[in-house]
N, C-alpha and C. Protein backbone atom coordinates (compact mmCIF):
# COMPACT_ATOMS: atom_id res chain seq x y z
N MET A 1 -39.64 35.35 38.80
CA MET A 1 -38.73 34.83 38.56
C MET A 1 -38.50 33.35 37.77
N LEU A 2 -39.49 32.95 37.65
CA LEU A 2 -39.65 31.82 36.60
C LEU A 2 -38.92 32.24 35.06
N LEU A 3 -39.65 33.52 34.64
CA LEU A 3 -39.06 34.22 33.72
C LEU A 3 -37.97 33.96 33.10
N LEU A 4 -36.97 34.91 34.66
CA LEU A 4 -35.58 34.64 34.78
C LEU A 4 -34.74 33.57 34.43
N ASN A 5 -35.37 32.58 35.14
CA ASN A 5 -35.02 31.20 35.38
C ASN A 5 -34.69 30.55 33.69
N ASN A 6 -36.19 30.61 33.20
CA ASN A 6 -36.57 29.90 31.83
C ASN A 6 -35.78 30.87 30.55
N LYS A 7 -35.02 32.19 30.84
CA LYS A 7 -34.54 32.91 30.23
C LYS A 7 -32.65 32.56 30.33
N LEU A 8 -32.65 32.18 31.46
CA LEU A 8 -31.23 31.94 31.63
C LEU A 8 -30.79 30.64 31.35
N SER A 9 -31.87 29.32 31.13
CA SER A 9 -31.72 28.30 30.74
C SER A 9 -31.31 28.19 29.57
N LYS A 10 -32.38 29.03 28.34
CA LYS A 10 -32.58 29.29 27.00
C LYS A 10 -31.12 29.63 26.55
N ASN A 11 -30.63 30.69 27.50
CA ASN A 11 -28.78 31.18 27.08
C ASN A 11 -28.03 30.12 27.24
N LEU A 12 -28.02 29.00 28.63
CA LEU A 12 -27.23 28.34 28.86
C LEU A 12 -27.38 27.39 27.65
N VAL A 13 -28.20 27.04 27.06
CA VAL A 13 -28.34 25.96 25.84
C VAL A 13 -27.83 26.36 25.10
N ASN A 14 -28.27 27.68 24.32
CA ASN A 14 -27.57 28.78 23.11
C ASN A 14 -25.70 28.29 23.28
N PHE A 15 -25.70 28.99 24.16
CA PHE A 15 -24.11 29.09 24.45
C PHE A 15 -23.47 27.46 24.28
N ALA A 16 -23.80 26.42 24.86
CA ALA A 16 -23.61 25.04 24.67
C ALA A 16 -23.91 24.69 23.13
N ARG A 17 -24.90 24.96 22.82
CA ARG A 17 -24.95 24.65 21.19
C ARG A 17 -24.00 25.18 20.38
N LYS A 18 -23.52 26.84 20.54
CA LYS A 18 -22.63 27.49 19.79
C LYS A 18 -21.10 26.79 20.50
N SER A 19 -20.97 26.37 21.69
CA SER A 19 -19.71 25.85 21.79
C SER A 19 -19.55 24.21 21.20
N ALA A 20 -20.40 23.60 21.61
CA ALA A 20 -20.45 22.09 20.96
C ALA A 20 -20.25 22.35 19.29
N LEU A 21 -20.88 23.45 18.33
CA LEU A 21 -20.57 23.77 17.48
C LEU A 21 -19.56 24.14 16.90
N ALA A 22 -18.81 25.28 17.52
CA ALA A 22 -17.03 25.60 17.45
C ALA A 22 -16.34 24.29 17.60
N LEU A 23 -16.53 23.40 18.71
CA LEU A 23 -15.88 22.52 18.66
C LEU A 23 -15.64 21.28 17.59
N ALA A 24 -17.03 21.18 17.00
CA ALA A 24 -16.95 20.42 16.18
C ALA A 24 -16.06 20.93 14.86
N LEU A 25 -16.32 21.92 14.55
CA LEU A 25 -15.62 22.51 13.45
C LEU A 25 -14.12 22.75 13.68
N LEU A 26 -13.64 23.10 15.04
CA LEU A 26 -12.24 23.06 15.07
C LEU A 26 -11.39 21.40 14.87
N ALA A 27 -12.84 20.51 15.23
CA ALA A 27 -11.85 19.06 15.49
C ALA A 27 -12.42 18.64 14.16
N THR A 28 -13.07 19.20 13.15
CA THR A 28 -13.07 18.53 11.93
C THR A 28 -11.68 19.43 10.53
N LEU A 29 -11.92 20.35 11.12
CA LEU A 29 -10.02 21.11 10.63
C LEU A 29 -8.93 20.50 11.03
N GLY A 30 -8.99 19.95 12.42
CA GLY A 30 -7.66 19.18 12.98
C GLY A 30 -7.60 17.75 12.31
N VAL A 31 -8.40 17.35 12.02
CA VAL A 31 -8.34 15.79 11.84
C VAL A 31 -8.25 16.27 9.98
N GLY A 32 -9.15 16.84 9.07
CA GLY A 32 -8.83 16.96 8.09
C GLY A 32 -7.46 17.39 7.84
N SER A 33 -6.58 18.46 8.48
CA SER A 33 -5.46 18.95 8.01
C SER A 33 -4.26 17.83 8.35
N SER A 34 -4.54 16.86 9.77
CA SER A 34 -3.54 15.73 9.76
C SER A 34 -3.43 14.86 8.65
N PHE A 35 -4.65 14.44 7.75
CA PHE A 35 -4.53 13.83 6.55
C PHE A 35 -4.10 14.50 5.69
N ALA A 36 -3.98 15.86 5.17
CA ALA A 36 -3.75 16.75 4.26
C ALA A 36 -2.24 16.83 4.00
N ALA A 37 -1.80 16.95 5.22
CA ALA A 37 -0.17 17.64 5.59
C ALA A 37 0.87 16.03 5.72
N PRO A 38 2.02 15.64 4.87
CA PRO A 38 2.63 14.91 5.33
C PRO A 38 3.71 15.07 6.19
N ALA A 39 3.76 14.07 6.86
CA ALA A 39 4.04 13.85 8.18
C ALA A 39 5.52 14.74 8.70
N GLY A 40 6.40 14.52 7.85
CA GLY A 40 7.90 15.20 8.02
C GLY A 40 8.82 15.18 6.96
N ASN A 41 9.65 15.85 7.29
CA ASN A 41 10.70 16.19 6.12
C ASN A 41 11.12 14.95 5.03
N SER A 42 10.89 13.52 5.63
CA SER A 42 11.98 12.36 4.87
C SER A 42 10.54 12.19 3.36
N ASP A 43 9.26 12.53 4.51
CA ASP A 43 7.55 12.07 3.56
C ASP A 43 7.50 13.20 2.21
N ASP A 44 8.26 14.07 2.72
CA ASP A 44 8.10 15.81 1.63
C ASP A 44 9.19 15.24 0.70
N ALA A 45 10.36 14.47 0.94
CA ALA A 45 11.00 14.21 -0.22
C ALA A 45 10.82 13.16 -0.95
N ILE A 46 10.15 12.42 -0.39
CA ILE A 46 9.43 10.78 -0.86
C ILE A 46 8.21 11.02 -1.88
N LEU A 47 7.33 12.17 -1.84
CA LEU A 47 6.29 12.27 -1.81
C LEU A 47 6.74 13.52 -3.40
N ALA A 48 7.47 14.03 -2.99
CA ALA A 48 8.18 14.73 -4.22
C ALA A 48 8.17 14.41 -5.25
N THR A 49 9.25 13.04 -4.98
CA THR A 49 9.86 12.48 -6.18
C THR A 49 9.01 11.42 -6.79
N PHE A 50 7.98 11.02 -5.58
CA PHE A 50 7.28 10.25 -6.39
C PHE A 50 6.20 10.99 -7.35
N ARG A 51 5.99 12.05 -7.23
CA ARG A 51 4.71 12.86 -8.07
C ARG A 51 5.57 13.11 -9.39
N LYS A 52 7.08 13.50 -9.19
CA LYS A 52 7.76 13.60 -10.50
C LYS A 52 7.51 12.15 -11.16
N GLU A 53 7.69 11.09 -10.68
CA GLU A 53 7.68 9.96 -11.32
C GLU A 53 6.41 9.32 -11.87
N PHE A 54 5.65 9.38 -10.92
CA PHE A 54 3.95 9.53 -11.19
C PHE A 54 3.28 10.29 -11.49
N ARG A 55 3.19 11.08 -12.36
CA ARG A 55 2.55 12.18 -12.33
C ARG A 55 0.85 11.93 -12.27
N SER A 56 0.37 11.50 -13.19
CA SER A 56 -0.90 10.53 -13.00
C SER A 56 -1.60 10.08 -12.13
N ALA A 57 -1.02 9.33 -11.36
CA ALA A 57 -1.09 8.37 -10.27
C ALA A 57 -1.85 9.05 -8.65
N ALA A 58 -2.61 8.24 -8.18
CA ALA A 58 -3.58 9.05 -7.02
C ALA A 58 -2.95 7.86 -5.81
N VAL A 59 -2.06 8.88 -4.93
CA VAL A 59 -1.85 8.16 -4.05
C VAL A 59 -3.11 7.43 -2.74
N MET A 60 -2.77 6.26 -2.50
CA MET A 60 -4.01 5.78 -1.56
C MET A 60 -3.41 5.26 -0.03
N LYS A 61 -2.17 5.26 -0.04
CA LYS A 61 -1.99 5.49 1.64
C LYS A 61 -0.03 5.32 1.57
N VAL A 62 0.27 6.16 2.79
CA VAL A 62 1.76 6.00 2.90
C VAL A 62 2.10 5.17 4.04
N GLU A 63 2.95 4.82 4.18
CA GLU A 63 3.53 3.64 5.16
C GLU A 63 5.07 3.85 5.40
N ASN A 64 5.36 4.67 6.60
CA ASN A 64 6.51 4.66 6.99
C ASN A 64 7.24 3.13 7.75
N GLN A 65 8.28 2.84 7.08
CA GLN A 65 8.89 1.68 7.99
C GLN A 65 10.27 1.83 8.32
N LYS A 66 11.09 0.60 9.24
CA LYS A 66 12.04 1.21 9.66
C LYS A 66 13.29 1.49 8.37
N GLU A 67 13.75 0.97 7.22
CA GLU A 67 14.32 1.18 6.46
C GLU A 67 13.67 1.57 5.07
N TYR A 68 12.54 1.71 4.82
CA TYR A 68 11.55 2.15 3.88
C TYR A 68 10.83 3.06 3.86
N THR A 69 9.81 3.60 2.81
CA THR A 69 8.61 4.18 2.84
C THR A 69 7.75 3.73 1.82
N LYS A 70 6.66 3.06 2.13
CA LYS A 70 6.07 2.32 1.03
C LYS A 70 4.99 3.03 0.47
N VAL A 71 4.44 3.81 -0.47
CA VAL A 71 3.65 4.27 -0.91
C VAL A 71 2.87 3.43 -2.36
N THR A 72 1.06 3.27 -1.54
CA THR A 72 0.36 2.77 -2.28
C THR A 72 -0.52 3.72 -3.27
N PHE A 73 -0.31 3.43 -4.60
CA PHE A 73 -1.02 4.32 -5.63
C PHE A 73 -1.89 3.58 -6.37
N ASN A 74 -2.82 3.90 -7.48
CA ASN A 74 -3.26 3.84 -7.94
C ASN A 74 -3.27 4.67 -10.00
N LEU A 75 -2.38 3.94 -10.49
CA LEU A 75 -2.13 4.42 -11.79
C LEU A 75 -2.92 3.63 -12.91
N ASN A 76 -3.50 4.22 -13.59
CA ASN A 76 -4.45 3.78 -14.96
C ASN A 76 -5.04 2.69 -14.41
N GLY A 77 -5.98 2.54 -13.01
CA GLY A 77 -6.78 1.42 -12.72
C GLY A 77 -6.11 0.07 -12.19
N VAL A 78 -4.88 0.38 -11.95
CA VAL A 78 -3.96 -0.55 -11.40
C VAL A 78 -3.20 -0.47 -10.15
N VAL A 79 -3.71 -1.08 -9.01
CA VAL A 79 -3.04 -0.77 -7.63
C VAL A 79 -1.40 -1.25 -8.15
N MET A 80 -0.42 -0.28 -7.35
CA MET A 80 1.00 -0.52 -7.23
C MET A 80 1.38 0.34 -6.00
N PHE A 81 2.89 -0.37 -5.64
CA PHE A 81 3.59 -0.21 -4.55
C PHE A 81 4.87 0.13 -4.75
N ALA A 82 5.14 1.60 -4.30
CA ALA A 82 6.49 2.05 -4.56
C ALA A 82 7.41 1.95 -3.47
N TYR A 83 8.78 1.43 -2.98
CA TYR A 83 9.09 1.72 -2.27
C TYR A 83 10.09 2.62 -2.21
N TYR A 84 10.71 3.31 -1.28
CA TYR A 84 11.74 4.76 -1.40
C TYR A 84 12.38 4.84 -0.20
N ARG A 85 13.79 5.06 -0.31
CA ARG A 85 14.63 5.27 0.90
C ARG A 85 14.02 6.06 1.35
N GLU A 86 15.15 6.66 2.78
CA GLU A 86 14.52 7.99 3.26
C GLU A 86 14.84 8.97 3.01
N ASN A 87 15.91 9.06 1.75
CA ASN A 87 16.45 10.60 1.45
C ASN A 87 15.60 10.18 -0.14
N GLY A 88 14.53 9.62 -0.35
CA GLY A 88 13.31 9.66 -1.41
C GLY A 88 14.30 9.23 -2.69
N ASN A 89 14.75 8.38 -2.77
CA ASN A 89 15.29 7.27 -3.90
C ASN A 89 14.57 6.40 -3.71
N LEU A 90 13.57 5.94 -5.10
CA LEU A 90 13.23 5.16 -5.27
C LEU A 90 13.89 3.54 -5.57
N MET A 91 13.15 2.49 -4.84
CA MET A 91 14.26 1.37 -4.74
C MET A 91 13.59 0.64 -5.40
N ALA A 92 12.05 0.34 -5.69
CA ALA A 92 11.44 -0.83 -6.21
C ALA A 92 9.87 -0.17 -6.31
N VAL A 93 9.54 -0.56 -7.58
CA VAL A 93 7.87 -1.06 -7.73
C VAL A 93 7.54 -2.13 -8.23
N VAL A 94 6.24 -2.35 -7.13
CA VAL A 94 5.86 -3.74 -7.33
C VAL A 94 4.09 -3.81 -7.72
N ARG A 95 3.92 -4.76 -8.14
CA ARG A 95 2.32 -5.03 -9.02
C ARG A 95 2.03 -6.18 -8.98
N ASN A 96 0.72 -6.61 -8.27
CA ASN A 96 0.37 -8.10 -8.23
C ASN A 96 -0.24 -8.14 -9.78
N ILE A 97 -0.34 -9.81 -10.01
CA ILE A 97 -0.37 -9.73 -11.99
C ILE A 97 -0.97 -11.30 -11.81
N PRO A 98 -1.75 -11.24 -12.96
CA PRO A 98 -1.93 -12.65 -13.26
C PRO A 98 -1.60 -13.05 -14.00
N SER A 99 -1.36 -14.81 -13.80
CA SER A 99 -0.42 -15.68 -14.30
C SER A 99 -0.26 -15.19 -16.05
N THR A 100 -1.38 -14.78 -16.60
CA THR A 100 -1.24 -14.82 -18.22
C THR A 100 -0.44 -13.37 -18.71
N GLN A 101 0.06 -12.59 -17.20
CA GLN A 101 0.62 -11.43 -17.97
C GLN A 101 2.51 -11.72 -17.82
N LEU A 102 2.54 -13.14 -17.25
CA LEU A 102 3.71 -13.37 -17.54
C LEU A 102 4.59 -13.40 -18.62
N PRO A 103 5.97 -13.30 -19.16
CA PRO A 103 6.19 -13.88 -20.38
C PRO A 103 6.47 -15.26 -20.78
N ILE A 104 5.78 -15.31 -21.91
CA ILE A 104 5.36 -16.98 -22.39
C ILE A 104 6.05 -17.67 -21.92
N GLN A 105 7.32 -17.78 -21.93
CA GLN A 105 8.32 -18.97 -21.74
C GLN A 105 8.27 -19.12 -20.07
N LEU A 106 7.98 -18.19 -19.02
CA LEU A 106 7.87 -18.23 -18.02
C LEU A 106 6.43 -18.96 -17.49
N GLN A 107 5.49 -18.57 -18.12
CA GLN A 107 4.46 -19.04 -18.12
C GLN A 107 4.39 -20.98 -18.58
N MET A 108 5.30 -20.86 -19.47
CA MET A 108 5.17 -22.53 -19.74
C MET A 108 6.33 -23.24 -18.67
N ASP A 109 6.97 -23.07 -18.28
CA ASP A 109 7.91 -23.14 -17.41
C ASP A 109 7.19 -23.25 -15.76
N LEU A 110 6.50 -22.45 -15.70
CA LEU A 110 5.76 -22.55 -14.33
C LEU A 110 4.81 -23.38 -14.44
N ARG A 111 3.62 -23.83 -15.75
CA ARG A 111 2.98 -24.67 -15.82
C ARG A 111 3.53 -26.28 -15.33
N GLN A 112 4.90 -26.41 -15.82
CA GLN A 112 5.78 -27.46 -15.64
C GLN A 112 6.25 -27.94 -14.48
N ARG A 113 6.69 -26.69 -13.38
CA ARG A 113 7.18 -26.99 -12.13
C ARG A 113 5.61 -26.79 -11.15
N ASN A 114 4.47 -26.55 -11.45
CA ASN A 114 3.41 -26.30 -10.46
C ASN A 114 3.01 -27.81 -10.14
N GLY A 115 3.01 -28.83 -10.49
CA GLY A 115 2.76 -29.89 -10.01
C GLY A 115 1.53 -30.27 -9.18
N GLY A 116 0.20 -29.51 -9.81
CA GLY A 116 -0.97 -29.85 -9.16
C GLY A 116 -1.25 -28.36 -7.82
N ALA A 117 -0.10 -27.64 -7.38
CA ALA A 117 -0.27 -26.74 -6.50
C ALA A 117 -1.12 -25.34 -7.14
N TRP A 118 -1.06 -24.76 -6.51
CA TRP A 118 -2.37 -23.96 -6.83
C TRP A 118 -1.37 -22.01 -6.78
N ILE A 119 -1.86 -21.35 -7.53
CA ILE A 119 -0.95 -20.00 -6.84
C ILE A 119 -1.80 -19.36 -6.19
N THR A 120 -0.78 -19.12 -4.90
CA THR A 120 -1.37 -18.01 -4.21
C THR A 120 -0.90 -16.31 -3.78
N ASP A 121 0.03 -16.17 -4.74
CA ASP A 121 0.43 -14.82 -4.76
C ASP A 121 1.29 -15.13 -5.75
N LEU A 122 1.17 -13.77 -6.78
CA LEU A 122 1.96 -13.60 -8.01
C LEU A 122 2.17 -11.90 -8.42
N PHE A 123 3.53 -11.67 -8.70
CA PHE A 123 3.74 -10.21 -8.35
C PHE A 123 5.06 -10.13 -9.30
N GLU A 124 5.26 -8.54 -9.62
CA GLU A 124 6.59 -8.30 -10.61
C GLU A 124 6.80 -7.38 -9.50
N LEU A 125 8.13 -7.47 -9.51
CA LEU A 125 9.30 -6.64 -8.93
C LEU A 125 9.99 -5.61 -10.21
N ASN A 126 9.86 -4.24 -9.88
CA ASN A 126 10.98 -3.53 -10.80
C ASN A 126 12.09 -2.83 -10.10
N ALA A 127 13.11 -3.25 -10.32
CA ALA A 127 14.29 -2.60 -9.81
C ALA A 127 15.15 -2.12 -10.72
N ASP A 128 15.72 -1.24 -10.34
CA ASP A 128 17.38 -0.79 -10.95
C ASP A 128 17.11 -1.23 -12.56
N GLY A 129 16.24 -1.10 -13.14
CA GLY A 129 16.17 -1.40 -14.24
C GLY A 129 15.61 -2.98 -14.99
N GLN A 130 15.63 -3.51 -14.05
CA GLN A 130 15.37 -5.03 -13.77
C GLN A 130 13.91 -5.26 -13.26
N THR A 131 13.27 -6.47 -14.19
CA THR A 131 11.98 -7.00 -13.55
C THR A 131 12.29 -8.24 -13.21
N VAL A 132 11.97 -8.40 -12.17
CA VAL A 132 12.00 -9.91 -11.45
C VAL A 132 10.26 -10.58 -10.95
N TYR A 133 10.08 -11.69 -11.20
CA TYR A 133 8.75 -12.24 -10.87
C TYR A 133 8.76 -12.69 -9.69
N TYR A 134 8.03 -12.81 -9.00
CA TYR A 134 7.63 -13.96 -7.63
C TYR A 134 6.55 -14.25 -7.96
N VAL A 135 6.31 -15.52 -7.45
CA VAL A 135 5.08 -17.09 -7.59
C VAL A 135 5.31 -17.43 -5.91
N THR A 136 4.57 -17.86 -5.62
CA THR A 136 3.61 -18.54 -4.38
C THR A 136 3.11 -19.72 -4.75
N LEU A 137 3.63 -21.17 -4.94
CA LEU A 137 2.43 -22.14 -5.09
C LEU A 137 2.51 -22.82 -3.76
N GLU A 138 1.12 -23.42 -3.63
CA GLU A 138 0.88 -24.03 -2.35
C GLU A 138 -0.30 -25.44 -2.50
N ASN A 139 0.36 -26.20 -1.99
CA ASN A 139 -0.03 -27.57 -2.22
C ASN A 139 -0.30 -27.79 -0.75
N SER A 140 -0.82 -29.36 -0.41
CA SER A 140 -1.42 -29.90 1.31
C SER A 140 -0.01 -29.78 1.63
N ASP A 141 0.73 -30.05 1.29
CA ASP A 141 2.32 -30.36 1.99
C ASP A 141 3.21 -29.06 2.29
N SER A 142 3.38 -28.21 1.37
CA SER A 142 4.31 -27.26 1.30
C SER A 142 3.87 -26.08 0.68
N ILE A 143 4.66 -24.79 0.81
CA ILE A 143 4.45 -23.70 0.50
C ILE A 143 5.94 -23.33 -0.35
N VAL A 144 5.94 -22.77 -1.65
CA VAL A 144 6.84 -22.73 -2.65
C VAL A 144 7.11 -21.49 -3.10
N THR A 145 8.04 -20.64 -2.92
CA THR A 145 7.85 -19.43 -3.53
C THR A 145 9.26 -19.48 -4.79
N LEU A 146 8.85 -19.23 -5.74
CA LEU A 146 10.02 -19.01 -6.74
C LEU A 146 10.35 -17.34 -7.36
N ARG A 147 11.39 -17.49 -7.83
CA ARG A 147 11.92 -15.87 -8.43
C ARG A 147 12.15 -16.27 -9.69
N ALA A 148 12.29 -15.36 -10.63
CA ALA A 148 12.26 -15.84 -12.17
C ALA A 148 12.55 -14.21 -12.56
N ASP A 149 13.40 -13.79 -13.58
CA ASP A 149 13.71 -12.97 -14.44
C ASP A 149 13.62 -13.78 -15.93
N SER A 150 13.14 -13.04 -16.89
CA SER A 150 12.50 -13.50 -18.05
C SER A 150 13.90 -14.01 -18.85
N ALA A 151 15.10 -13.84 -18.29
CA ALA A 151 16.22 -14.32 -19.02
C ALA A 151 16.52 -15.76 -18.52
N ASN A 152 16.65 -16.00 -17.13
CA ASN A 152 16.94 -17.56 -16.41
C ASN A 152 16.07 -18.14 -16.08
N GLY A 153 14.48 -17.68 -16.24
CA GLY A 153 13.70 -18.75 -15.88
C GLY A 153 13.36 -19.10 -14.30
N TRP A 154 12.89 -20.13 -13.58
CA TRP A 154 12.14 -19.83 -12.33
C TRP A 154 13.44 -20.46 -10.99
N SER A 155 13.65 -20.34 -10.22
CA SER A 155 14.70 -20.79 -8.87
C SER A 155 13.73 -20.71 -7.89
N THR A 156 14.10 -21.40 -7.12
CA THR A 156 13.56 -21.96 -5.71
C THR A 156 14.19 -20.55 -4.84
N TYR A 157 13.11 -19.65 -4.28
CA TYR A 157 13.70 -18.60 -3.26
C TYR A 157 13.11 -18.91 -2.03
N ARG A 158 12.33 -19.72 -1.47
CA ARG A 158 11.86 -20.19 -0.29
C ARG A 158 11.08 -21.49 -0.26
N LYS A 159 11.13 -21.83 0.59
CA LYS A 159 10.36 -23.69 0.50
C LYS A 159 10.04 -23.69 2.25
N LEU A 160 8.61 -23.82 2.35
CA LEU A 160 8.44 -24.29 3.49
C LEU A 160 7.35 -25.52 3.42
N THR A 161 7.72 -26.12 4.54
CA THR A 161 7.10 -27.53 4.57
C THR A 161 5.64 -27.15 5.65
N LYS A 162 4.48 -27.52 5.63
CA LYS A 162 3.74 -27.76 6.15
C LYS A 162 3.73 -28.90 7.46
N LEU A 163 3.10 -28.34 8.64
CA LEU A 163 3.25 -29.31 9.32
C LEU A 163 1.58 -30.35 9.61
N SER A 164 2.00 -31.64 9.91
CA SER A 164 0.59 -32.35 9.37
C SER A 164 0.27 -32.68 10.74
N GLU A 165 -0.68 -32.48 10.82
CA GLU A 165 -1.88 -32.57 12.24
C GLU A 165 -1.98 -34.18 12.67
């Protein structure tokens, strides 16, 4: 009787191991395929358009928002962001840049305007064939975001006053 119970328990343990292995394999396949396949038709159109426009880029992340889809990607070692409409049309491409990559005139104008503030954000936006720059300057009293294209110089886009305690 002891031999029968021992043999039965070994069979049960083997069955449990095989079942656990099969479940782990199925879970791995399910999770892997969920990341590999785009989520829907609009994602398919967007990624197809993206791959045509940025052939050598590596997609890092796709985020669906209410009015657009944001594709974060790496192109030649630079992280960029492409914004697409639902139909797959490209709206804009954005990349963060250091101030040294601004056009020279904008660099000089920015030095005159910053008044001791520090740069907390600076990015280049390309849409409809035009390049626009946004910089956020912050000091102890305020946060100011400036907007510029290379022809017109900097203008105030947004200004926030910090509350004093």
